[in-house]
Amino acid sequence: ISNMIEDIMEKNSSESYFIQICDFVSFFVHLYFKIEI
């Protein structure tokens, strides 16, 4: 991997709309996986 810069950084999900979006999509993918796959 050559294009990733810096170490992975962390942020509390309560302070990030975008981590909350990841949580949202991830949970719907989980539901889809359960019912379809």
Full PDB file with SEQRES, HELIX, SHEET, SSBOND, CRYST1, ORIGX, SCALE, CONECT and MASTER records, all heavy atoms in Angstrom:
SEQRES   1 A   37  ILE SER ASN MET ILE GLU ASP ILE MET GLU LYS ASN SER          
SEQRES   2 A   37  SER GLU SER TYR PHE ILE GLN ILE CYS ASP PHE VAL SER          
SEQRES   3 A   37  PHE PHE VAL HIS LEU TYR PHE LYS ILE GLU ILE                  
HELIX    1 AA1 SER A   13  GLU A   15  5                                   3    
HELIX    2 AA2 TYR A   17  GLU A   36  1                                  20    
CRYST1    1.000    1.000    1.000  90.00  90.00  90.00 P 1           1          
ORIGX1      1.000000  0.000000  0.000000        0.00000                         
ORIGX2      0.000000  1.000000  0.000000        0.00000                         
ORIGX3      0.000000  0.000000  1.000000        0.00000                         
SCALE1      1.000000  0.000000  0.000000        0.00000                         
SCALE2      0.000000  1.000000  0.000000        0.00000                         
SCALE3      0.000000  0.000000  1.000000        0.00000                         
ATOM      1  N   ILE A   1       0.863  -1.183   0.000  1.00  0.00           N  
ATOM      2  CA  ILE A   1       0.000   0.000   0.000  1.00  0.00           C  
ATOM      3  C   ILE A   1       0.899   1.232   0.000  1.00  0.00           C  
ATOM      4  O   ILE A   1       1.786   1.364   0.843  1.00  0.00           O  
ATOM      5  CB  ILE A   1      -0.905   0.000   1.255  1.00  0.00           C  
ATOM      6  CG1 ILE A   1      -1.845  -1.215   1.253  1.00  0.00           C  
ATOM      7  CG2 ILE A   1      -1.686   1.298   1.376  1.00  0.00           C  
ATOM      8  CD1 ILE A   1      -2.835  -1.278   0.120  1.00  0.00           C  
ATOM      9  N   SER A   2       0.684   2.141  -0.961  1.00  0.00           N  
ATOM     10  CA  SER A   2       1.606   3.278  -1.076  1.00  0.00           C  
ATOM     11  C   SER A   2       0.926   4.646  -0.978  1.00  0.00           C  
ATOM     12  O   SER A   2       1.605   5.660  -0.828  1.00  0.00           O  
ATOM     13  CB  SER A   2       2.380   3.189  -2.399  1.00  0.00           C  
ATOM     14  OG  SER A   2       1.469   3.208  -3.486  1.00  0.00           O  
ATOM     15  N   ASN A   3      -0.405   4.685  -1.077  1.00  0.00           N  
ATOM     16  CA  ASN A   3      -1.079   5.993  -1.118  1.00  0.00           C  
ATOM     17  C   ASN A   3      -1.729   6.399   0.195  1.00  0.00           C  
ATOM     18  O   ASN A   3      -2.323   7.479   0.284  1.00  0.00           O  
ATOM     19  CB  ASN A   3      -2.129   6.013  -2.240  1.00  0.00           C  
ATOM     20  CG  ASN A   3      -1.479   6.184  -3.600  1.00  0.00           C  
ATOM     21  OD1 ASN A   3      -0.265   6.222  -3.698  1.00  0.00           O  
ATOM     22  ND2 ASN A   3      -2.265   6.268  -4.637  1.00  0.00           N  
ATOM     23  N   MET A   4      -1.658   5.537   1.208  1.00  0.00           N  
ATOM     24  CA  MET A   4      -2.198   5.891   2.518  1.00  0.00           C  
ATOM     25  C   MET A   4      -1.169   6.737   3.256  1.00  0.00           C  
ATOM     26  O   MET A   4      -0.005   6.349   3.364  1.00  0.00           O  
ATOM     27  CB  MET A   4      -2.525   4.622   3.321  1.00  0.00           C  
ATOM     28  CG  MET A   4      -3.083   4.910   4.701  1.00  0.00           C  
ATOM     29  SD  MET A   4      -3.711   3.406   5.504  1.00  0.00           S  
ATOM     30  CE  MET A   4      -2.309   2.308   5.331  1.00  0.00           C  
ATOM     31  N   ILE A   5      -1.597   7.903   3.752  1.00  0.00           N  
ATOM     32  CA  ILE A   5      -0.671   8.776   4.463  1.00  0.00           C  
ATOM     33  C   ILE A   5      -0.974   8.740   5.964  1.00  0.00           C  
ATOM     34  O   ILE A   5      -2.124   8.598   6.361  1.00  0.00           O  
ATOM     35  CB  ILE A   5      -0.706  10.229   3.919  1.00  0.00           C  
ATOM     36  CG1 ILE A   5      -2.141  10.783   3.879  1.00  0.00           C  
ATOM     37  CG2 ILE A   5      -0.085  10.299   2.540  1.00  0.00           C  
ATOM     38  CD1 ILE A   5      -2.233  12.236   3.460  1.00  0.00           C  
ATOM     39  N   GLU A   6       0.057   8.844   6.769  1.00  0.00           N  
ATOM     40  CA  GLU A   6      -0.035   8.861   8.226  1.00  0.00           C  
ATOM     41  C   GLU A   6      -0.535   7.526   8.775  1.00  0.00           C  
ATOM     42  O   GLU A   6      -0.943   6.636   8.046  1.00  0.00           O  
ATOM     43  CB  GLU A   6      -0.965   9.998   8.705  1.00  0.00           C  
ATOM     44  CG  GLU A   6      -0.258  11.177   9.338  1.00  0.00           C  
ATOM     45  CD  GLU A   6       0.472  10.860  10.636  1.00  0.00           C  
ATOM     46  OE1 GLU A   6       0.412   9.733  11.141  1.00  0.00           O  
ATOM     47  OE2 GLU A   6       1.126  11.778  11.156  1.00  0.00           O  
ATOM     48  N   ASP A   7      -0.473   7.383  10.104  1.00  0.00           N  
ATOM     49  CA  ASP A   7      -1.090   6.263  10.785  1.00  0.00           C  
ATOM     50  C   ASP A   7      -2.601   6.447  10.773  1.00  0.00           C  
ATOM     51  O   ASP A   7      -3.099   7.576  10.648  1.00  0.00           O  
ATOM     52  CB  ASP A   7      -0.633   6.232  12.259  1.00  0.00           C  
ATOM     53  CG  ASP A   7       0.635   5.398  12.452  1.00  0.00           C  
ATOM     54  OD1 ASP A   7       0.860   4.463  11.641  1.00  0.00           O  
ATOM     55  OD2 ASP A   7       1.383   5.668  13.400  1.00  0.00           O  
ATOM     56  N   ILE A   8      -3.326   5.345  10.952  1.00  0.00           N  
ATOM     57  CA  ILE A   8      -4.781   5.452  11.130  1.00  0.00           C  
ATOM     58  C   ILE A   8      -5.039   6.252  12.405  1.00  0.00           C  
ATOM     59  O   ILE A   8      -4.397   6.053  13.431  1.00  0.00           O  
ATOM     60  CB  ILE A   8      -5.414   4.049  11.219  1.00  0.00           C  
ATOM     61  CG1 ILE A   8      -5.309   3.356   9.854  1.00  0.00           C  
ATOM     62  CG2 ILE A   8      -6.870   4.141  11.662  1.00  0.00           C  
ATOM     63  CD1 ILE A   8      -5.903   1.964   9.804  1.00  0.00           C  
ATOM     64  N   MET A   9      -5.987   7.179  12.321  1.00  0.00           N  
ATOM     65  CA  MET A   9      -6.328   8.019  13.468  1.00  0.00           C  
ATOM     66  C   MET A   9      -7.727   7.668  13.959  1.00  0.00           C  
ATOM     67  O   MET A   9      -8.529   7.122  13.205  1.00  0.00           O  
ATOM     68  CB  MET A   9      -6.232   9.491  13.082  1.00  0.00           C  
ATOM     69  CG  MET A   9      -4.792   9.912  12.833  1.00  0.00           C  
ATOM     70  SD  MET A   9      -4.640  11.626  12.345  1.00  0.00           S  
ATOM     71  CE  MET A   9      -4.897  11.474  10.595  1.00  0.00           C  
ATOM     72  N   GLU A  10      -8.011   7.967  15.220  1.00  0.00           N  
ATOM     73  CA  GLU A  10      -9.326   7.634  15.755  1.00  0.00           C  
ATOM     74  C   GLU A  10     -10.078   8.887  16.189  1.00  0.00           C  
ATOM     75  O   GLU A  10      -9.481   9.900  16.539  1.00  0.00           O  
ATOM     76  CB  GLU A  10      -9.218   6.629  16.908  1.00  0.00           C  
ATOM     77  CG  GLU A  10      -8.496   7.114  18.124  1.00  0.00           C  
ATOM     78  CD  GLU A  10      -8.458   6.070  19.239  1.00  0.00           C  
ATOM     79  OE1 GLU A  10      -9.121   5.019  19.133  1.00  0.00           O  
ATOM     80  OE2 GLU A  10      -7.741   6.320  20.230  1.00  0.00           O  
ATOM     81  N   LYS A  11     -11.401   8.756  16.140  1.00  0.00           N  
ATOM     82  CA  LYS A  11     -12.283   9.851  16.556  1.00  0.00           C  
ATOM     83  C   LYS A  11     -13.547   9.232  17.128  1.00  0.00           C  
ATOM     84  O   LYS A  11     -14.032   8.220  16.606  1.00  0.00           O  
ATOM     85  CB  LYS A  11     -12.617  10.731  15.342  1.00  0.00           C  
ATOM     86  CG  LYS A  11     -13.408  11.979  15.700  1.00  0.00           C  
ATOM     87  CD  LYS A  11     -13.483  12.963  14.547  1.00  0.00           C  
ATOM     88  CE  LYS A  11     -14.157  14.250  15.007  1.00  0.00           C  
ATOM     89  NZ  LYS A  11     -14.230  15.242  13.941  1.00  0.00           N  
ATOM     90  N   ASN A  12     -14.084   9.827  18.166  1.00  0.00           N  
ATOM     91  CA  ASN A  12     -15.312   9.318  18.755  1.00  0.00           C  
ATOM     92  C   ASN A  12     -16.456   9.473  17.751  1.00  0.00           C  
ATOM     93  O   ASN A  12     -16.658  10.550  17.186  1.00  0.00           O  
ATOM     94  CB  ASN A  12     -15.629  10.091  20.040  1.00  0.00           C  
ATOM     95  CG  ASN A  12     -16.734   9.436  20.838  1.00  0.00           C  
ATOM     96  OD1 ASN A  12     -17.830   9.222  20.338  1.00  0.00           O  
ATOM     97  ND2 ASN A  12     -16.440   9.104  22.080  1.00  0.00           N  
ATOM     98  N   SER A  13     -17.199   8.391  17.532  1.00  0.00           N  
ATOM     99  CA  SER A  13     -18.275   8.417  16.532  1.00  0.00           C  
ATOM    100  C   SER A  13     -19.324   9.483  16.831  1.00  0.00           C  
ATOM    101  O   SER A  13     -19.954  10.016  15.912  1.00  0.00           O  
ATOM    102  CB  SER A  13     -18.950   7.046  16.445  1.00  0.00           C  
ATOM    103  OG  SER A  13     -19.479   6.667  17.703  1.00  0.00           O  
ATOM    104  N   SER A  14     -19.517   9.819  18.117  1.00  0.00           N  
ATOM    105  CA  SER A  14     -20.518  10.831  18.473  1.00  0.00           C  
ATOM    106  C   SER A  14     -20.127  12.208  17.951  1.00  0.00           C  
ATOM    107  O   SER A  14     -20.962  13.108  17.858  1.00  0.00           O  
ATOM    108  CB  SER A  14     -20.711  10.885  19.990  1.00  0.00           C  
ATOM    109  OG  SER A  14     -19.534  11.346  20.625  1.00  0.00           O  
ATOM    110  N   GLU A  15     -18.852  12.381  17.595  1.00  0.00           N  
ATOM    111  CA  GLU A  15     -18.362  13.672  17.107  1.00  0.00           C  
ATOM    112  C   GLU A  15     -18.105  13.676  15.603  1.00  0.00           C  
ATOM    113  O   GLU A  15     -17.486  14.601  15.080  1.00  0.00           O  
ATOM    114  CB  GLU A  15     -17.080  14.043  17.860  1.00  0.00           C  
ATOM    115  CG  GLU A  15     -17.316  14.245  19.354  1.00  0.00           C  
ATOM    116  CD  GLU A  15     -16.031  14.472  20.118  1.00  0.00           C  
ATOM    117  OE1 GLU A  15     -14.944  14.457  19.499  1.00  0.00           O  
ATOM    118  OE2 GLU A  15     -16.118  14.657  21.340  1.00  0.00           O  
ATOM    119  N   SER A  16     -18.565  12.636  14.905  1.00  0.00           N  
ATOM    120  CA  SER A  16     -18.300  12.562  13.467  1.00  0.00           C  
ATOM    121  C   SER A  16     -19.533  12.081  12.705  1.00  0.00           C  
ATOM    122  O   SER A  16     -19.943  10.929  12.836  1.00  0.00           O  
ATOM    123  CB  SER A  16     -17.137  11.605  13.182  1.00  0.00           C  
ATOM    124  OG  SER A  16     -17.017  11.389  11.786  1.00  0.00           O  
ATOM    125  N   TYR A  17     -20.116  12.965  11.907  1.00  0.00           N  
ATOM    126  CA  TYR A  17     -21.225  12.565  11.048  1.00  0.00           C  
ATOM    127  C   TYR A  17     -20.814  11.406  10.134  1.00  0.00           C  
ATOM    128  O   TYR A  17     -21.621  10.525   9.835  1.00  0.00           O  
ATOM    129  CB  TYR A  17     -21.663  13.729  10.159  1.00  0.00           C  
ATOM    130  CG  TYR A  17     -22.433  14.827  10.849  1.00  0.00           C  
ATOM    131  CD1 TYR A  17     -22.358  16.136  10.387  1.00  0.00           C  
ATOM    132  CD2 TYR A  17     -23.270  14.564  11.939  1.00  0.00           C  
ATOM    133  CE1 TYR A  17     -23.081  17.164  10.981  1.00  0.00           C  
ATOM    134  CE2 TYR A  17     -23.997  15.586  12.539  1.00  0.00           C  
ATOM    135  CZ  TYR A  17     -23.893  16.887  12.064  1.00  0.00           C  
ATOM    136  OH  TYR A  17     -24.611  17.897  12.648  1.00  0.00           O  
ATOM    137  N   PHE A  18     -19.557  11.434   9.674  1.00  0.00           N  
ATOM    138  CA  PHE A  18     -19.145  10.474   8.652  1.00  0.00           C  
ATOM    139  C   PHE A  18     -18.926   9.075   9.226  1.00  0.00           C  
ATOM    140  O   PHE A  18     -19.217   8.080   8.552  1.00  0.00           O  
ATOM    141  CB  PHE A  18     -17.925  11.003   7.906  1.00  0.00           C  
ATOM    142  CG  PHE A  18     -18.199  12.317   7.220  1.00  0.00           C  
ATOM    143  CD1 PHE A  18     -17.532  13.472   7.587  1.00  0.00           C  
ATOM    144  CD2 PHE A  18     -19.172  12.403   6.239  1.00  0.00           C  
ATOM    145  CE1 PHE A  18     -17.816  14.688   6.985  1.00  0.00           C  
ATOM    146  CE2 PHE A  18     -19.468  13.609   5.621  1.00  0.00           C  
ATOM    147  CZ  PHE A  18     -18.788  14.757   5.990  1.00  0.00           C  
ATOM    148  N   ILE A  19     -18.454   8.981  10.460  1.00  0.00           N  
ATOM    149  CA  ILE A  19     -18.387   7.668  11.111  1.00  0.00           C  
ATOM    150  C   ILE A  19     -19.805   7.155  11.348  1.00  0.00           C  
ATOM    151  O   ILE A  19     -20.085   5.961  11.194  1.00  0.00           O  
ATOM    152  CB  ILE A  19     -17.569   7.731  12.420  1.00  0.00           C  
ATOM    153  CG1 ILE A  19     -16.098   8.010  12.089  1.00  0.00           C  
ATOM    154  CG2 ILE A  19     -17.677   6.413  13.206  1.00  0.00           C  
ATOM    155  CD1 ILE A  19     -15.212   8.221  13.310  1.00  0.00           C  
ATOM    156  N   GLN A  20     -20.728   8.055  11.680  1.00  0.00           N  
ATOM    157  CA  GLN A  20     -22.127   7.652  11.868  1.00  0.00           C  
ATOM    158  C   GLN A  20     -22.748   7.164  10.550  1.00  0.00           C  
ATOM    159  O   GLN A  20     -23.567   6.247  10.551  1.00  0.00           O  
ATOM    160  CB  GLN A  20     -22.938   8.816  12.445  1.00  0.00           C  
ATOM    161  CG  GLN A  20     -22.571   9.145  13.885  1.00  0.00           C  
ATOM    162  CD  GLN A  20     -23.230  10.418  14.390  1.00  0.00           C  
ATOM    163  OE1 GLN A  20     -24.404  10.661  14.141  1.00  0.00           O  
ATOM    164  NE2 GLN A  20     -22.461  11.240  15.098  1.00  0.00           N  
ATOM    165  N   ILE A  21     -22.334   7.748   9.435  1.00  0.00           N  
ATOM    166  CA  ILE A  21     -22.808   7.258   8.132  1.00  0.00           C  
ATOM    167  C   ILE A  21     -22.262   5.854   7.873  1.00  0.00           C  
ATOM    168  O   ILE A  21     -22.994   4.976   7.394  1.00  0.00           O  
ATOM    169  CB  ILE A  21     -22.409   8.223   6.994  1.00  0.00           C  
ATOM    170  CG1 ILE A  21     -23.178   9.539   7.119  1.00  0.00           C  
ATOM    171  CG2 ILE A  21     -22.670   7.588   5.618  1.00  0.00           C  
ATOM    172  CD1 ILE A  21     -22.714  10.619   6.150  1.00  0.00           C  
ATOM    173  N   CYS A  22     -20.988   5.630   8.190  1.00  0.00           N  
ATOM    174  CA  CYS A  22     -20.423   4.279   8.058  1.00  0.00           C  
ATOM    175  C   CYS A  22     -21.221   3.278   8.888  1.00  0.00           C  
ATOM    176  O   CYS A  22     -21.527   2.172   8.437  1.00  0.00           O  
ATOM    177  CB  CYS A  22     -18.962   4.253   8.500  1.00  0.00           C  
ATOM    178  SG  CYS A  22     -17.818   5.072   7.385  1.00  0.00           S  
ATOM    179  N   ASP A  23     -21.551   3.671  10.113  1.00  0.00           N  
ATOM    180  CA  ASP A  23     -22.349   2.822  10.997  1.00  0.00           C  
ATOM    181  C   ASP A  23     -23.707   2.521  10.359  1.00  0.00           C  
ATOM    182  O   ASP A  23     -24.181   1.377  10.368  1.00  0.00           O  
ATOM    183  CB  ASP A  23     -22.533   3.527  12.345  1.00  0.00           C  
ATOM    184  CG  ASP A  23     -23.563   2.860  13.237  1.00  0.00           C  
ATOM    185  OD1 ASP A  23     -23.206   1.887  13.931  1.00  0.00           O  
ATOM    186  OD2 ASP A  23     -24.735   3.295  13.235  1.00  0.00           O  
ATOM    187  N   PHE A  24     -24.334   3.533   9.793  1.00  0.00           N  
ATOM    188  CA  PHE A  24     -25.645   3.409   9.142  1.00  0.00           C  
ATOM    189  C   PHE A  24     -25.581   2.414   7.978  1.00  0.00           C  
ATOM    190  O   PHE A  24     -26.365   1.462   7.899  1.00  0.00           O  
ATOM    191  CB  PHE A  24     -26.075   4.794   8.652  1.00  0.00           C  
ATOM    192  CG  PHE A  24     -27.392   4.849   7.933  1.00  0.00           C  
ATOM    193  CD1 PHE A  24     -28.557   5.132   8.629  1.00  0.00           C  
ATOM    194  CD2 PHE A  24     -27.469   4.648   6.561  1.00  0.00           C  
ATOM    195  CE1 PHE A  24     -29.784   5.203   7.974  1.00  0.00           C  
ATOM    196  CE2 PHE A  24     -28.687   4.708   5.900  1.00  0.00           C  
ATOM    197  CZ  PHE A  24     -29.849   4.986   6.603  1.00  0.00           C  
ATOM    198  N   VAL A  25     -24.639   2.636   7.073  1.00  0.00           N  
ATOM    199  CA  VAL A  25     -24.517   1.765   5.891  1.00  0.00           C  
ATOM    200  C   VAL A  25     -24.146   0.348   6.323  1.00  0.00           C  
ATOM    201  O   VAL A  25     -24.710  -0.636   5.832  1.00  0.00           O  
ATOM    202  CB  VAL A  25     -23.479   2.332   4.899  1.00  0.00           C  
ATOM    203  CG1 VAL A  25     -23.248   1.360   3.744  1.00  0.00           C  
ATOM    204  CG2 VAL A  25     -23.930   3.694   4.372  1.00  0.00           C  
ATOM    205  N   SER A  26     -23.216   0.253   7.255  1.00  0.00           N  
ATOM    206  CA  SER A  26     -22.757  -1.054   7.732  1.00  0.00           C  
ATOM    207  C   SER A  26     -23.911  -1.873   8.300  1.00  0.00           C  
ATOM    208  O   SER A  26     -24.030  -3.071   8.047  1.00  0.00           O  
ATOM    209  CB  SER A  26     -21.671  -0.845   8.795  1.00  0.00           C  
ATOM    210  OG  SER A  26     -21.068  -2.060   9.144  1.00  0.00           O  
ATOM    211  N   PHE A  27     -24.801  -1.213   9.058  1.00  0.00           N  
ATOM    212  CA  PHE A  27     -25.914  -1.945   9.656  1.00  0.00           C  
ATOM    213  C   PHE A  27     -26.902  -2.406   8.590  1.00  0.00           C  
ATOM    214  O   PHE A  27     -27.430  -3.522   8.664  1.00  0.00           O  
ATOM    215  CB  PHE A  27     -26.628  -1.108  10.728  1.00  0.00           C  
ATOM    216  CG  PHE A  27     -27.581  -1.924  11.554  1.00  0.00           C  
ATOM    217  CD1 PHE A  27     -27.104  -2.893  12.432  1.00  0.00           C  
ATOM    218  CD2 PHE A  27     -28.955  -1.755  11.444  1.00  0.00           C  
ATOM    219  CE1 PHE A  27     -27.983  -3.679  13.178  1.00  0.00           C  
ATOM    220  CE2 PHE A  27     -29.836  -2.524  12.189  1.00  0.00           C  
ATOM    221  CZ  PHE A  27     -29.351  -3.495  13.062  1.00  0.00           C  
ATOM    222  N   PHE A  28     -27.128  -1.592   7.562  1.00  0.00           N  
ATOM    223  CA  PHE A  28     -28.030  -2.027   6.497  1.00  0.00           C  
ATOM    224  C   PHE A  28     -27.406  -3.134   5.642  1.00  0.00           C  
ATOM    225  O   PHE A  28     -28.122  -4.031   5.169  1.00  0.00           O  
ATOM    226  CB  PHE A  28     -28.498  -0.836   5.652  1.00  0.00           C  
ATOM    227  CG  PHE A  28     -29.746  -0.227   6.223  1.00  0.00           C  
ATOM    228  CD1 PHE A  28     -29.672   0.827   7.129  1.00  0.00           C  
ATOM    229  CD2 PHE A  28     -30.996  -0.742   5.909  1.00  0.00           C  
ATOM    230  CE1 PHE A  28     -30.820   1.356   7.696  1.00  0.00           C  
ATOM    231  CE2 PHE A  28     -32.154  -0.211   6.468  1.00  0.00           C  
ATOM    232  CZ  PHE A  28     -32.070   0.840   7.369  1.00  0.00           C  
ATOM    233  N   VAL A  29     -26.099  -3.103   5.466  1.00  0.00           N  
ATOM    234  CA  VAL A  29     -25.423  -4.210   4.780  1.00  0.00           C  
ATOM    235  C   VAL A  29     -25.567  -5.493   5.602  1.00  0.00           C  
ATOM    236  O   VAL A  29     -25.808  -6.573   5.061  1.00  0.00           O  
ATOM    237  CB  VAL A  29     -23.938  -3.869   4.520  1.00  0.00           C  
ATOM    238  CG1 VAL A  29     -23.151  -5.098   4.065  1.00  0.00           C  
ATOM    239  CG2 VAL A  29     -23.826  -2.759   3.470  1.00  0.00           C  
ATOM    240  N   HIS A  30     -25.439  -5.369   6.915  1.00  0.00           N  
ATOM    241  CA  HIS A  30     -25.645  -6.507   7.826  1.00  0.00           C  
ATOM    242  C   HIS A  30     -27.056  -7.082   7.643  1.00  0.00           C  
ATOM    243  O   HIS A  30     -27.228  -8.300   7.518  1.00  0.00           O  
ATOM    244  CB  HIS A  30     -25.419  -6.026   9.263  1.00  0.00           C  
ATOM    245  CG  HIS A  30     -26.147  -6.783  10.324  1.00  0.00           C  
ATOM    246  ND1 HIS A  30     -25.811  -8.065  10.703  1.00  0.00           N  
ATOM    247  CD2 HIS A  30     -27.217  -6.427  11.095  1.00  0.00           C  
ATOM    248  CE1 HIS A  30     -26.646  -8.469  11.658  1.00  0.00           C  
ATOM    249  NE2 HIS A  30     -27.497  -7.498  11.911  1.00  0.00           N  
ATOM    250  N   LEU A  31     -28.072  -6.214   7.602  1.00  0.00           N  
ATOM    251  CA  LEU A  31     -29.451  -6.685   7.431  1.00  0.00           C  
ATOM    252  C   LEU A  31     -29.636  -7.344   6.063  1.00  0.00           C  
ATOM    253  O   LEU A  31     -30.275  -8.401   5.940  1.00  0.00           O  
ATOM    254  CB  LEU A  31     -30.433  -5.521   7.588  1.00  0.00           C  
ATOM    255  CG  LEU A  31     -30.475  -4.848   8.973  1.00  0.00           C  
ATOM    256  CD1 LEU A  31     -31.433  -3.654   8.947  1.00  0.00           C  
ATOM    257  CD2 LEU A  31     -30.882  -5.826  10.077  1.00  0.00           C  
ATOM    258  N   TYR A  32     -29.049  -6.738   5.037  1.00  0.00           N  
ATOM    259  CA  TYR A  32     -29.140  -7.306   3.681  1.00  0.00           C  
ATOM    260  C   TYR A  32     -28.468  -8.677   3.628  1.00  0.00           C  
ATOM    261  O   TYR A  32     -29.007  -9.623   3.034  1.00  0.00           O  
ATOM    262  CB  TYR A  32     -28.488  -6.349   2.671  1.00  0.00           C  
ATOM    263  CG  TYR A  32     -28.481  -6.890   1.263  1.00  0.00           C  
ATOM    264  CD1 TYR A  32     -29.609  -6.778   0.450  1.00  0.00           C  
ATOM    265  CD2 TYR A  32     -27.359  -7.539   0.765  1.00  0.00           C  
ATOM    266  CE1 TYR A  32     -29.605  -7.297  -0.838  1.00  0.00           C  
ATOM    267  CE2 TYR A  32     -27.350  -8.060  -0.524  1.00  0.00           C  
ATOM    268  CZ  TYR A  32     -28.476  -7.944  -1.317  1.00  0.00           C  
ATOM    269  OH  TYR A  32     -28.478  -8.473  -2.588  1.00  0.00           O  
ATOM    270  N   PHE A  33     -27.309  -8.794   4.235  1.00  0.00           N  
ATOM    271  CA  PHE A  33     -26.575 -10.068   4.273  1.00  0.00           C  
ATOM    272  C   PHE A  33     -27.430 -11.151   4.938  1.00  0.00           C  
ATOM    273  O   PHE A  33     -27.505 -12.292   4.457  1.00  0.00           O  
ATOM    274  CB  PHE A  33     -25.263  -9.868   5.037  1.00  0.00           C  
ATOM    275  CG  PHE A  33     -24.403 -11.104   5.134  1.00  0.00           C  
ATOM    276  CD1 PHE A  33     -23.691 -11.570   4.031  1.00  0.00           C  
ATOM    277  CD2 PHE A  33     -24.286 -11.801   6.325  1.00  0.00           C  
ATOM    278  CE1 PHE A  33     -22.898 -12.703   4.115  1.00  0.00           C  
ATOM    279  CE2 PHE A  33     -23.484 -12.933   6.424  1.00  0.00           C  
ATOM    280  CZ  PHE A  33     -22.794 -13.387   5.316  1.00  0.00           C  
ATOM    281  N   LYS A  34     -28.096 -10.782   6.020  1.00  0.00           N  
ATOM    282  CA  LYS A  34     -28.945 -11.748   6.734  1.00  0.00           C  
ATOM    283  C   LYS A  34     -30.106 -12.237   5.863  1.00  0.00           C  
ATOM    284  O   LYS A  34     -30.336 -13.438   5.749  1.00  0.00           O  
ATOM    285  CB  LYS A  34     -29.505 -11.124   8.018  1.00  0.00           C  
ATOM    286  CG  LYS A  34     -28.561 -11.137   9.192  1.00  0.00           C  
ATOM    287  CD  LYS A  34     -29.199 -10.563  10.442  1.00  0.00           C  
ATOM    288  CE  LYS A  34     -30.089 -11.577  11.149  1.00  0.00           C  
ATOM    289  NZ  LYS A  34     -29.332 -12.654  11.815  1.00  0.00           N  
ATOM    290  N   ILE A  35     -30.813 -11.298   5.236  1.00  0.00           N  
ATOM    291  CA  ILE A  35     -32.040 -11.693   4.538  1.00  0.00           C  
ATOM    292  C   ILE A  35     -31.790 -12.248   3.138  1.00  0.00           C  
ATOM    293  O   ILE A  35     -32.498 -13.150   2.692  1.00  0.00           O  
ATOM    294  CB  ILE A  35     -33.056 -10.529   4.470  1.00  0.00           C  
ATOM    295  CG1 ILE A  35     -32.506  -9.340   3.660  1.00  0.00           C  
ATOM    296  CG2 ILE A  35     -33.487 -10.108   5.863  1.00  0.00           C  
ATOM    297  CD1 ILE A  35     -33.516  -8.220   3.407  1.00  0.00           C  
ATOM    298  N   GLU A  36     -30.761 -11.743   2.442  1.00  0.00           N  
ATOM    299  CA  GLU A  36     -30.557 -12.145   1.052  1.00  0.00           C  
ATOM    300  C   GLU A  36     -29.528 -13.257   0.888  1.00  0.00           C  
ATOM    301  O   GLU A  36     -29.691 -14.110   0.025  1.00  0.00           O  
ATOM    302  CB  GLU A  36     -30.123 -10.934   0.216  1.00  0.00           C  
ATOM    303  CG  GLU A  36     -31.261 -10.025  -0.170  1.00  0.00           C  
ATOM    304  CD  GLU A  36     -32.301 -10.708  -1.039  1.00  0.00           C  
ATOM    305  OE1 GLU A  36     -31.967 -11.179  -2.147  1.00  0.00           O  
ATOM    306  OE2 GLU A  36     -33.457 -10.779  -0.598  1.00  0.00           O  
ATOM    307  N   ILE A  37     -28.469 -13.213   1.672  1.00  0.00           N  
ATOM    308  CA  ILE A  37     -27.402 -14.199   1.499  1.00  0.00           C  
ATOM    309  C   ILE A  37     -27.580 -15.360   2.478  1.00  0.00           C  
ATOM    310  O   ILE A  37     -27.473 -16.518   2.104  1.00  0.00           O  
ATOM    311  CB  ILE A  37     -26.016 -13.528   1.626  1.00  0.00           C  
ATOM    312  CG1 ILE A  37     -25.871 -12.515   0.480  1.00  0.00           C  
ATOM    313  CG2 ILE A  37     -24.886 -14.562   1.587  1.00  0.00           C  
ATOM    314  CD1 ILE A  37     -24.691 -11.618   0.529  1.00  0.00           C  
TER     315      ILE A  37                                                      
MASTER        0    0    0    2    0    0    0    6  314    1    0    3          
END                                                                             
